[in-house]
Amino acid sequence: MQTRVVPILAIVLAVFLGACSKSREITNLDRAEADARAAKARAEIQFNDIGKAETLLVEALGFNPDAYDYWADLANVRLRLGKNKEARKACQQAVEACQRLIKQNPEDIDIRIDQIRLLVSLGDNKAARETLEQAGRDLPKNQVIRACIDNKLVDQLAADPGLLKLPE
């Protein structure tokens, strides 16, 4: 009984911290704590303890809800646990975190491309195309964005069998 209570309390605490952290600035200490927990989660994935990985990722996101890669990892973990709805929600949170980070640093191409990849994972190719077109308008001289547009990145991602596809 006690072994089941601890993970549940950790999740409740992390969710509470996540709600609180959206209204406060994320400190370097928060980021470091989130990074440590996410690293532990990735190790647990390697050891195939997916449940523990989920708990650690939720905790990490409590410290840093803008870490879109943690949201994406959480989506993958939840998908492996058969929690499809929760996986979609985590992926949507990753997209929203990308959007917040793009506002802070509009020239970060990697975040924009990751956001497009996440949108395709959600099956929202229309939004992915619109996001890529917006990146082209925001950064008209950027060679990477131009190449993504010219090479139809969204179509390539949609056809990629290795890309995570979240069920409805």
Protein backbone atom coordinates (compact mmCIF):
# COMPACT_ATOMS: atom_id res chain seq x y z
CA MET A 1 0.00 0.00 0.00
CA GLN A 2 2.73 2.46 0.94
CA THR A 3 4.64 1.80 -2.30
CA ARG A 4 1.59 2.93 -4.32
CA VAL A 5 1.02 6.05 -2.20
CA VAL A 6 4.48 7.52 -2.78
CA PRO A 7 4.20 7.73 -6.61
CA ILE A 8 0.69 9.12 -6.34
CA LEU A 9 1.83 11.79 -3.88
CA ALA A 10 4.77 12.62 -6.16
CA ILE A 11 2.42 13.09 -9.11
CA VAL A 12 0.03 15.26 -7.09
CA LEU A 13 2.95 17.37 -5.86
CA ALA A 14 4.39 17.71 -9.35
CA VAL A 15 1.04 18.73 -10.82
CA PHE A 16 0.62 21.29 -8.02
CA LEU A 17 4.12 22.63 -8.61
CA GLY A 18 3.43 22.74 -12.35
CA ALA A 19 0.29 24.81 -11.79
CA CYS A 20 2.20 27.14 -9.52
CA SER A 21 5.21 27.45 -11.81
CA LYS A 22 3.11 28.73 -14.71
CA SER A 23 2.49 31.89 -12.72
CA ARG A 24 6.10 32.34 -11.61
CA GLU A 25 9.42 32.62 -13.34
CA ILE A 26 11.31 29.38 -13.83
CA THR A 27 14.66 29.67 -12.05
CA ASN A 28 17.95 28.02 -12.94
CA LEU A 29 17.48 25.83 -9.87
CA ASP A 30 14.07 24.74 -11.22
CA ARG A 31 15.64 23.90 -14.56
CA ALA A 32 18.44 21.95 -12.90
CA GLU A 33 15.97 19.95 -10.78
CA ALA A 34 13.81 19.29 -13.84
CA ASP A 35 16.83 18.20 -15.86
CA ALA A 36 17.92 15.80 -13.11
CA ARG A 37 14.49 14.19 -12.88
CA ALA A 38 14.17 13.95 -16.67
CA ALA A 39 17.60 12.30 -16.85
CA LYS A 40 16.47 9.78 -14.23
CA ALA A 41 13.28 9.21 -16.23
CA ARG A 42 15.26 8.49 -19.37
CA ALA A 43 17.36 5.99 -17.43
CA GLU A 44 14.19 4.31 -16.15
CA ILE A 45 12.97 4.03 -19.74
CA GLN A 46 16.20 2.19 -20.57
CA PHE A 47 15.52 -0.17 -17.64
CA ASN A 48 11.95 -0.55 -18.90
CA ASP A 49 10.38 0.92 -15.75
CA ILE A 50 7.94 3.04 -17.72
CA GLY A 51 5.69 3.78 -14.73
CA LYS A 52 8.57 5.28 -12.77
CA ALA A 53 9.66 7.22 -15.83
CA GLU A 54 6.17 8.71 -16.08
CA THR A 55 6.28 9.81 -12.43
CA LEU A 56 9.73 11.40 -12.85
CA LEU A 57 8.70 13.25 -16.02
CA VAL A 58 5.59 14.64 -14.33
CA GLU A 59 7.80 15.81 -11.46
CA ALA A 60 10.27 17.38 -13.90
CA LEU A 61 7.45 19.24 -15.61
CA GLY A 62 6.33 20.53 -12.23
CA PHE A 63 9.64 22.37 -12.05
CA ASN A 64 9.79 23.41 -15.69
CA PRO A 65 6.53 23.26 -17.68
CA ASP A 66 8.21 24.96 -20.64
CA ALA A 67 10.48 21.96 -21.31
CA TYR A 68 8.68 20.78 -24.43
CA ASP A 69 11.00 17.82 -24.84
CA TYR A 70 9.89 16.53 -21.42
CA TRP A 71 6.26 16.83 -22.55
CA ALA A 72 7.16 14.90 -25.70
CA ASP A 73 8.93 12.23 -23.62
CA LEU A 74 5.87 12.04 -21.37
CA ALA A 75 3.66 11.55 -24.44
CA ASN A 76 5.88 8.65 -25.57
CA VAL A 77 5.85 7.08 -22.11
CA ARG A 78 2.09 7.39 -21.76
CA LEU A 79 1.60 5.89 -25.19
CA ARG A 80 3.72 2.90 -24.12
CA LEU A 81 1.52 2.61 -21.02
CA GLY A 82 -1.60 2.54 -23.21
CA LYS A 83 -2.76 5.94 -21.96
CA ASN A 84 -3.61 7.32 -25.40
CA LYS A 85 -5.71 10.30 -24.30
CA GLU A 86 -3.10 11.36 -21.76
CA ALA A 87 -0.39 10.93 -24.40
CA ARG A 88 -2.24 13.28 -26.75
CA LYS A 89 -2.67 15.83 -23.97
CA ALA A 90 1.05 15.68 -23.18
CA CYS A 91 1.88 16.18 -26.86
CA GLN A 92 -0.51 19.15 -27.02
CA GLN A 93 1.23 20.58 -23.95
CA ALA A 94 4.54 20.16 -25.79
CA VAL A 95 3.16 22.17 -28.72
CA GLU A 96 2.00 24.92 -26.34
CA ALA A 97 5.38 24.96 -24.59
CA CYS A 98 7.06 25.36 -28.00
CA GLN A 99 4.79 28.29 -28.74
CA ARG A 100 5.75 30.00 -25.45
CA LEU A 101 9.43 29.46 -26.17
CA ILE A 102 9.12 30.75 -29.74
CA LYS A 103 7.65 33.98 -28.36
CA GLN A 104 10.70 34.32 -26.11
CA ASN A 105 13.19 33.44 -28.85
CA PRO A 106 11.61 33.81 -32.31
CA GLU A 107 14.81 32.91 -34.16
CA ASP A 108 15.22 29.46 -32.59
CA ILE A 109 14.72 27.23 -35.61
CA ASP A 110 15.02 23.98 -33.67
CA ILE A 111 11.99 24.74 -31.51
CA ARG A 112 9.95 25.68 -34.58
CA ILE A 113 10.84 22.44 -36.36
CA ASP A 114 10.15 20.39 -33.24
CA GLN A 115 6.75 22.08 -32.94
CA ILE A 116 5.98 21.11 -36.53
CA ARG A 117 7.04 17.52 -35.80
CA LEU A 118 4.77 17.44 -32.73
CA LEU A 119 1.83 18.77 -34.73
CA VAL A 120 2.32 16.03 -37.32
CA SER A 121 2.47 13.47 -34.47
CA LEU A 122 -0.93 14.77 -33.39
CA GLY A 123 -2.19 14.32 -36.94
CA ASP A 124 -2.68 18.06 -37.40
CA ASN A 125 -0.85 18.48 -40.70
CA LYS A 126 -2.81 21.63 -41.50
CA ALA A 127 -1.56 23.37 -38.35
CA ALA A 128 1.95 22.03 -39.06
CA ARG A 129 1.88 23.60 -42.54
CA GLU A 130 0.56 26.88 -41.14
CA THR A 131 3.31 26.86 -38.51
CA LEU A 132 5.96 26.29 -41.18
CA GLU A 133 4.50 29.04 -43.35
CA GLN A 134 4.51 31.39 -40.34
CA ALA A 135 8.15 30.55 -39.71
CA GLY A 136 8.84 31.45 -43.34
CA ARG A 137 7.14 34.82 -42.86
CA ASP A 138 8.89 35.45 -39.54
CA LEU A 139 12.33 34.42 -40.83
CA PRO A 140 12.24 35.04 -44.59
CA LYS A 141 16.03 34.90 -45.01
CA ASN A 142 16.57 31.74 -42.98
CA GLN A 143 17.98 29.02 -45.23
CA VAL A 144 16.84 26.13 -43.01
CA ILE A 145 13.23 27.27 -42.91
CA ARG A 146 13.31 27.95 -46.65
CA ALA A 147 14.65 24.42 -47.27
CA CYS A 148 11.92 22.95 -45.03
CA ILE A 149 9.28 24.77 -47.05
CA ASP A 150 10.81 23.88 -50.42
CA ASN A 151 11.26 20.21 -49.46
CA LYS A 152 7.73 19.93 -48.05
CA LEU A 153 8.83 19.01 -44.54
CA VAL A 154 5.28 18.35 -43.33
CA ASP A 155 4.64 15.81 -46.09
CA GLN A 156 7.97 14.10 -45.36
CA LEU A 157 7.17 13.88 -41.64
CA ALA A 158 3.66 12.61 -42.31
CA ALA A 159 5.10 9.82 -44.48
CA ASP A 160 7.84 8.90 -41.99
CA PRO A 161 6.95 5.53 -40.41
CA GLY A 162 9.41 6.21 -37.57
CA LEU A 163 7.63 9.35 -36.40
CA LEU A 164 5.42 8.95 -33.36
CA LYS A 165 1.78 9.01 -34.42
CA LEU A 166 -0.70 9.51 -31.60
CA PRO A 167 -4.05 7.78 -31.97
CA GLU A 168 -7.22 9.86 -31.70
